[in-house]
Structures are given as C-alpha cells and as structure tokens.
Amino acid sequence: MGEMLVQWTSNPKPDAYADWKAIEPDRRKFVSNYQLLGIERCDWHRTCADWEWLENRDNTRIHVRNRGFVTASNRGYAIRWEVAQKDWTAQLANFDQIVKGFKPDRQG
C-alpha cells in the first residue's frame, strides 16, 4: 500500500517545473540515499510537473512521485505518492485514480 500527502499554498510559483528544478538539489539533505529519477512537465491545470525520486526509509526503498500544479493565481498544490519500489508498478493506477478524482477548492 502507498501513502499520499496533499499540500497547498496560496502563493504558488508560476512554473511548477522550474520550481521543482530549483528545490531538487536540496532534497538529498532531507532523505536517506536520495536518487533523482526525473522531473517532467505534465499537461494538467495551469502548470504541472512530476518529480520522481527514490529514497530509503525503515529499511525499504521508497519510490516517490510529487506532482506540483497550480489551479488559480492564489492556489497551488502538491500531491505526493510514496510506495515501496517493489510495488510501484502495481500501485501506480492508484495514483492516477487519486489525481483524476482530486477537486481543488480554487480554479481560474
């Protein structure tokens, strides 16, 4: 099973991809055995980017996808999905279902 975390801000950056690229180098300071898998733009809302990495936690290799996106000038979100690397492929459909069902409180 995976874990999901949703965060929001009232001051989103105008480019989710550029924002993830700017903060990515510091991630290794906060997690064990960080390995960048990539940061890619996605076609969703005003701006969207998926940042994926691997890390170690409690003797388990974790695969993380952090989707950052902006739905309004005063609302940005990150949906972070964390799953054991060995279960990533089997659990990926859950991430897609969660994202498709997400209803932001502000759009426009």
N, C-alpha and C. Protein backbone atom coordinates (compact mmCIF):
# COMPACT_ATOMS: atom_id res chain seq x y z
N MET A 1 0.84 -1.18 0.00
CA MET A 1 0.00 0.00 0.00
C MET A 1 0.89 1.24 0.00
N GLY A 2 0.38 2.32 -0.49
CA GLY A 2 1.14 3.56 -0.56
C GLY A 2 0.62 4.60 0.41
N GLU A 3 1.33 5.70 0.47
CA GLU A 3 0.91 6.83 1.28
C GLU A 3 0.78 8.04 0.38
N MET A 4 -0.19 8.89 0.68
CA MET A 4 -0.40 10.10 -0.09
C MET A 4 -0.41 11.28 0.85
N LEU A 5 0.20 12.37 0.40
CA LEU A 5 0.22 13.62 1.15
C LEU A 5 -0.20 14.72 0.18
N VAL A 6 -1.15 15.56 0.60
CA VAL A 6 -1.57 16.69 -0.21
C VAL A 6 -1.19 17.96 0.54
N GLN A 7 -0.48 18.84 -0.14
CA GLN A 7 -0.10 20.13 0.42
C GLN A 7 -0.62 21.22 -0.49
N TRP A 8 -0.83 22.42 0.04
CA TRP A 8 -1.28 23.54 -0.77
C TRP A 8 -0.61 24.82 -0.33
N THR A 9 -0.63 25.79 -1.23
CA THR A 9 -0.09 27.11 -0.93
C THR A 9 -0.99 28.17 -1.56
N SER A 10 -1.04 29.32 -0.94
CA SER A 10 -1.78 30.44 -1.53
C SER A 10 -0.85 31.34 -2.36
N ASN A 11 0.43 30.98 -2.42
CA ASN A 11 1.41 31.73 -3.20
C ASN A 11 2.18 30.80 -4.13
N PRO A 12 1.50 30.21 -5.12
CA PRO A 12 2.21 29.25 -5.98
C PRO A 12 3.19 29.94 -6.93
N LYS A 13 4.22 29.22 -7.28
CA LYS A 13 5.18 29.69 -8.29
C LYS A 13 4.51 29.58 -9.66
N PRO A 14 4.89 30.41 -10.61
CA PRO A 14 4.23 30.41 -11.92
C PRO A 14 4.57 29.20 -12.79
N ASP A 15 5.66 28.49 -12.47
CA ASP A 15 6.10 27.35 -13.28
C ASP A 15 6.47 26.19 -12.36
N ALA A 16 5.61 25.17 -12.31
CA ALA A 16 5.84 24.02 -11.42
C ALA A 16 7.16 23.31 -11.75
N TYR A 17 7.46 23.16 -13.02
CA TYR A 17 8.69 22.50 -13.45
C TYR A 17 9.92 23.26 -12.94
N ALA A 18 9.94 24.56 -13.15
CA ALA A 18 11.07 25.38 -12.70
C ALA A 18 11.19 25.36 -11.18
N ASP A 19 10.07 25.34 -10.49
CA ASP A 19 10.09 25.29 -9.03
C ASP A 19 10.70 23.99 -8.53
N TRP A 20 10.27 22.84 -9.10
CA TRP A 20 10.85 21.55 -8.69
C TRP A 20 12.34 21.51 -9.00
N LYS A 21 12.73 22.01 -10.19
CA LYS A 21 14.15 22.00 -10.56
C LYS A 21 14.99 22.83 -9.57
N ALA A 22 14.41 23.94 -9.11
CA ALA A 22 15.15 24.82 -8.19
C ALA A 22 15.34 24.19 -6.81
N ILE A 23 14.36 23.44 -6.33
CA ILE A 23 14.48 22.89 -4.97
C ILE A 23 15.02 21.46 -4.94
N GLU A 24 15.09 20.80 -6.08
CA GLU A 24 15.53 19.40 -6.13
C GLU A 24 16.91 19.16 -5.52
N PRO A 25 17.91 19.99 -5.78
CA PRO A 25 19.25 19.70 -5.25
C PRO A 25 19.30 19.57 -3.72
N ASP A 26 18.40 20.22 -3.01
CA ASP A 26 18.41 20.16 -1.55
C ASP A 26 17.71 18.92 -0.99
N ARG A 27 16.99 18.17 -1.81
CA ARG A 27 16.22 17.03 -1.31
C ARG A 27 17.09 16.01 -0.60
N ARG A 28 18.29 15.80 -1.10
CA ARG A 28 19.17 14.78 -0.51
C ARG A 28 19.53 15.10 0.94
N LYS A 29 19.36 16.36 1.35
CA LYS A 29 19.63 16.73 2.74
C LYS A 29 18.56 16.21 3.69
N PHE A 30 17.39 15.86 3.15
CA PHE A 30 16.24 15.52 3.99
C PHE A 30 15.86 14.05 3.97
N VAL A 31 16.42 13.27 3.04
CA VAL A 31 16.06 11.85 2.96
C VAL A 31 17.33 11.00 2.84
N SER A 32 17.18 9.73 3.14
CA SER A 32 18.30 8.80 3.10
C SER A 32 18.45 8.19 1.71
N ASN A 33 19.67 8.23 1.19
CA ASN A 33 20.02 7.59 -0.08
C ASN A 33 19.14 8.08 -1.23
N TYR A 34 19.01 9.39 -1.34
CA TYR A 34 18.21 10.03 -2.40
C TYR A 34 18.77 9.72 -3.77
N GLN A 35 17.88 9.40 -4.71
CA GLN A 35 18.26 9.19 -6.11
C GLN A 35 17.19 9.82 -7.00
N LEU A 36 17.57 10.84 -7.74
CA LEU A 36 16.64 11.50 -8.66
C LEU A 36 16.32 10.58 -9.82
N LEU A 37 15.04 10.42 -10.11
CA LEU A 37 14.60 9.68 -11.29
C LEU A 37 14.24 10.62 -12.44
N GLY A 38 13.76 11.82 -12.10
CA GLY A 38 13.46 12.80 -13.13
C GLY A 38 12.43 13.81 -12.70
N ILE A 39 12.39 14.90 -13.45
CA ILE A 39 11.37 15.94 -13.29
C ILE A 39 10.84 16.20 -14.69
N GLU A 40 9.54 16.00 -14.86
CA GLU A 40 8.92 16.12 -16.17
C GLU A 40 7.68 17.00 -16.09
N ARG A 41 7.47 17.79 -17.12
CA ARG A 41 6.23 18.56 -17.21
C ARG A 41 5.07 17.61 -17.46
N CYS A 42 3.89 17.97 -16.95
CA CYS A 42 2.68 17.21 -17.25
C CYS A 42 1.60 18.20 -17.68
N ASP A 43 0.67 17.71 -18.44
CA ASP A 43 -0.39 18.55 -19.01
C ASP A 43 -1.62 18.46 -18.11
N TRP A 44 -1.67 19.37 -17.13
CA TRP A 44 -2.76 19.34 -16.16
C TRP A 44 -2.82 20.70 -15.49
N HIS A 45 -3.91 21.35 -15.53
CA HIS A 45 -4.11 22.68 -14.95
C HIS A 45 -3.15 23.70 -15.58
N ARG A 46 -2.94 24.82 -14.91
CA ARG A 46 -2.14 25.93 -15.47
C ARG A 46 -0.70 25.53 -15.72
N THR A 47 -0.10 24.92 -14.72
CA THR A 47 1.28 24.42 -14.81
C THR A 47 1.35 23.18 -13.95
N CYS A 48 2.11 22.21 -14.40
CA CYS A 48 2.17 20.93 -13.69
C CYS A 48 3.51 20.27 -13.97
N ALA A 49 4.06 19.63 -12.94
CA ALA A 49 5.30 18.86 -13.11
C ALA A 49 5.33 17.71 -12.12
N ASP A 50 5.83 16.59 -12.58
CA ASP A 50 6.04 15.41 -11.73
C ASP A 50 7.53 15.28 -11.43
N TRP A 51 7.84 15.19 -10.15
CA TRP A 51 9.21 14.99 -9.67
C TRP A 51 9.23 13.60 -9.05
N GLU A 52 10.09 12.74 -9.55
CA GLU A 52 10.18 11.38 -9.00
C GLU A 52 11.57 11.11 -8.48
N TRP A 53 11.60 10.40 -7.34
CA TRP A 53 12.87 10.01 -6.76
C TRP A 53 12.71 8.73 -5.96
N LEU A 54 13.86 8.15 -5.60
CA LEU A 54 13.92 7.01 -4.69
C LEU A 54 14.60 7.47 -3.42
N GLU A 55 14.20 6.86 -2.31
CA GLU A 55 14.84 7.11 -1.02
C GLU A 55 14.72 5.87 -0.17
N ASN A 56 15.51 5.79 0.88
CA ASN A 56 15.41 4.68 1.84
C ASN A 56 14.67 5.16 3.07
N ARG A 57 13.76 4.31 3.56
CA ARG A 57 13.04 4.61 4.79
C ARG A 57 12.69 3.29 5.48
N ASP A 58 13.08 3.16 6.72
CA ASP A 58 12.78 1.95 7.51
C ASP A 58 13.17 0.68 6.75
N ASN A 59 14.39 0.66 6.23
CA ASN A 59 14.93 -0.50 5.51
C ASN A 59 14.16 -0.85 4.24
N THR A 60 13.45 0.12 3.68
CA THR A 60 12.68 -0.11 2.46
C THR A 60 13.05 0.97 1.44
N ARG A 61 13.21 0.56 0.19
CA ARG A 61 13.44 1.51 -0.90
C ARG A 61 12.07 2.04 -1.32
N ILE A 62 11.90 3.36 -1.23
CA ILE A 62 10.62 4.02 -1.50
C ILE A 62 10.72 4.78 -2.82
N HIS A 63 9.68 4.65 -3.63
CA HIS A 63 9.55 5.41 -4.88
C HIS A 63 8.54 6.52 -4.60
N VAL A 64 8.91 7.75 -4.92
CA VAL A 64 8.06 8.91 -4.65
C VAL A 64 7.77 9.63 -5.96
N ARG A 65 6.50 9.99 -6.14
CA ARG A 65 6.13 10.92 -7.22
C ARG A 65 5.49 12.12 -6.53
N ASN A 66 6.01 13.29 -6.78
CA ASN A 66 5.48 14.52 -6.22
C ASN A 66 4.96 15.36 -7.39
N ARG A 67 3.64 15.47 -7.50
CA ARG A 67 3.03 16.25 -8.59
C ARG A 67 2.70 17.64 -8.08
N GLY A 68 3.36 18.64 -8.65
CA GLY A 68 3.09 20.03 -8.31
C GLY A 68 2.26 20.66 -9.41
N PHE A 69 1.24 21.43 -9.03
CA PHE A 69 0.40 22.06 -10.04
C PHE A 69 -0.30 23.28 -9.46
N VAL A 70 -0.73 24.16 -10.35
CA VAL A 70 -1.39 25.40 -9.96
C VAL A 70 -2.78 25.42 -10.59
N THR A 71 -3.81 25.71 -9.78
CA THR A 71 -5.18 25.75 -10.29
C THR A 71 -5.75 27.17 -10.33
N ALA A 72 -5.12 28.10 -9.64
CA ALA A 72 -5.56 29.50 -9.63
C ALA A 72 -4.36 30.35 -9.22
N SER A 73 -4.46 31.67 -9.44
CA SER A 73 -3.33 32.54 -9.11
C SER A 73 -2.98 32.48 -7.63
N ASN A 74 -3.95 32.08 -6.80
CA ASN A 74 -3.71 32.00 -5.36
C ASN A 74 -3.86 30.58 -4.82
N ARG A 75 -3.64 29.57 -5.68
CA ARG A 75 -3.71 28.20 -5.18
C ARG A 75 -2.82 27.26 -5.98
N GLY A 76 -1.87 26.67 -5.27
CA GLY A 76 -1.01 25.64 -5.84
C GLY A 76 -1.04 24.43 -4.93
N TYR A 77 -0.82 23.27 -5.51
CA TYR A 77 -0.88 22.01 -4.76
C TYR A 77 0.32 21.14 -5.08
N ALA A 78 0.57 20.21 -4.17
CA ALA A 78 1.48 19.09 -4.42
C ALA A 78 0.78 17.84 -3.90
N ILE A 79 0.67 16.86 -4.76
CA ILE A 79 0.17 15.54 -4.35
C ILE A 79 1.36 14.60 -4.40
N ARG A 80 1.76 14.12 -3.25
CA ARG A 80 2.94 13.24 -3.16
C ARG A 80 2.49 11.82 -2.87
N TRP A 81 2.91 10.91 -3.72
CA TRP A 81 2.57 9.49 -3.62
C TRP A 81 3.84 8.73 -3.32
N GLU A 82 3.82 7.94 -2.23
CA GLU A 82 5.01 7.20 -1.79
C GLU A 82 4.65 5.72 -1.68
N VAL A 83 5.41 4.88 -2.38
CA VAL A 83 5.14 3.45 -2.43
C VAL A 83 6.47 2.71 -2.40
N ALA A 84 6.49 1.54 -1.77
CA ALA A 84 7.69 0.71 -1.82
C ALA A 84 8.06 0.48 -3.29
N GLN A 85 9.32 0.62 -3.62
CA GLN A 85 9.77 0.48 -5.01
C GLN A 85 9.29 -0.83 -5.62
N LYS A 86 9.31 -1.90 -4.85
CA LYS A 86 8.91 -3.21 -5.38
C LYS A 86 7.43 -3.24 -5.77
N ASP A 87 6.61 -2.33 -5.22
CA ASP A 87 5.17 -2.30 -5.50
C ASP A 87 4.77 -1.16 -6.44
N TRP A 88 5.74 -0.37 -6.92
CA TRP A 88 5.44 0.84 -7.67
C TRP A 88 4.53 0.57 -8.87
N THR A 89 4.91 -0.33 -9.72
CA THR A 89 4.13 -0.58 -10.94
C THR A 89 2.72 -1.04 -10.61
N ALA A 90 2.58 -1.92 -9.65
CA ALA A 90 1.26 -2.44 -9.28
C ALA A 90 0.38 -1.37 -8.66
N GLN A 91 0.98 -0.39 -7.99
CA GLN A 91 0.22 0.64 -7.28
C GLN A 91 0.02 1.92 -8.09
N LEU A 92 0.66 2.06 -9.22
CA LEU A 92 0.62 3.31 -9.98
C LEU A 92 -0.79 3.70 -10.40
N ALA A 93 -1.64 2.75 -10.69
CA ALA A 93 -3.03 3.05 -11.06
C ALA A 93 -3.75 3.77 -9.93
N ASN A 94 -3.38 3.51 -8.69
CA ASN A 94 -3.99 4.21 -7.55
C ASN A 94 -3.66 5.70 -7.60
N PHE A 95 -2.42 6.04 -7.94
CA PHE A 95 -2.04 7.44 -8.06
C PHE A 95 -2.90 8.11 -9.14
N ASP A 96 -3.00 7.47 -10.28
CA ASP A 96 -3.79 8.03 -11.38
C ASP A 96 -5.24 8.25 -10.97
N GLN A 97 -5.80 7.31 -10.24
CA GLN A 97 -7.19 7.43 -9.79
C GLN A 97 -7.35 8.59 -8.79
N ILE A 98 -6.42 8.73 -7.89
CA ILE A 98 -6.46 9.82 -6.91
C ILE A 98 -6.37 11.17 -7.61
N VAL A 99 -5.44 11.29 -8.54
CA VAL A 99 -5.25 12.56 -9.25
C VAL A 99 -6.49 12.91 -10.06
N LYS A 100 -7.05 11.95 -10.76
CA LYS A 100 -8.25 12.22 -11.57
C LYS A 100 -9.43 12.63 -10.72
N GLY A 101 -9.51 12.13 -9.49
CA GLY A 101 -10.62 12.45 -8.61
C GLY A 101 -10.41 13.69 -7.75
N PHE A 102 -9.21 14.26 -7.81
CA PHE A 102 -8.91 15.43 -6.98
C PHE A 102 -9.70 16.65 -7.43
N LYS A 103 -10.36 17.30 -6.51
CA LYS A 103 -11.15 18.51 -6.79
C LYS A 103 -10.56 19.68 -6.00
N PRO A 104 -9.86 20.59 -6.69
CA PRO A 104 -9.28 21.74 -6.00
C PRO A 104 -10.36 22.69 -5.49
N ASP A 105 -10.06 23.41 -4.43
CA ASP A 105 -11.04 24.35 -3.88
C ASP A 105 -11.06 25.68 -4.65
N ARG A 106 -10.03 25.92 -5.47
CA ARG A 106 -9.99 27.15 -6.27
C ARG A 106 -9.49 26.82 -7.67
N GLN A 107 -10.17 27.37 -8.67
CA GLN A 107 -9.76 27.25 -10.05
C GLN A 107 -9.98 28.57 -10.74
N GLY A 108 -9.18 28.80 -11.75
CA GLY A 108 -9.42 30.01 -12.53
C GLY A 108 -8.20 30.84 -12.76
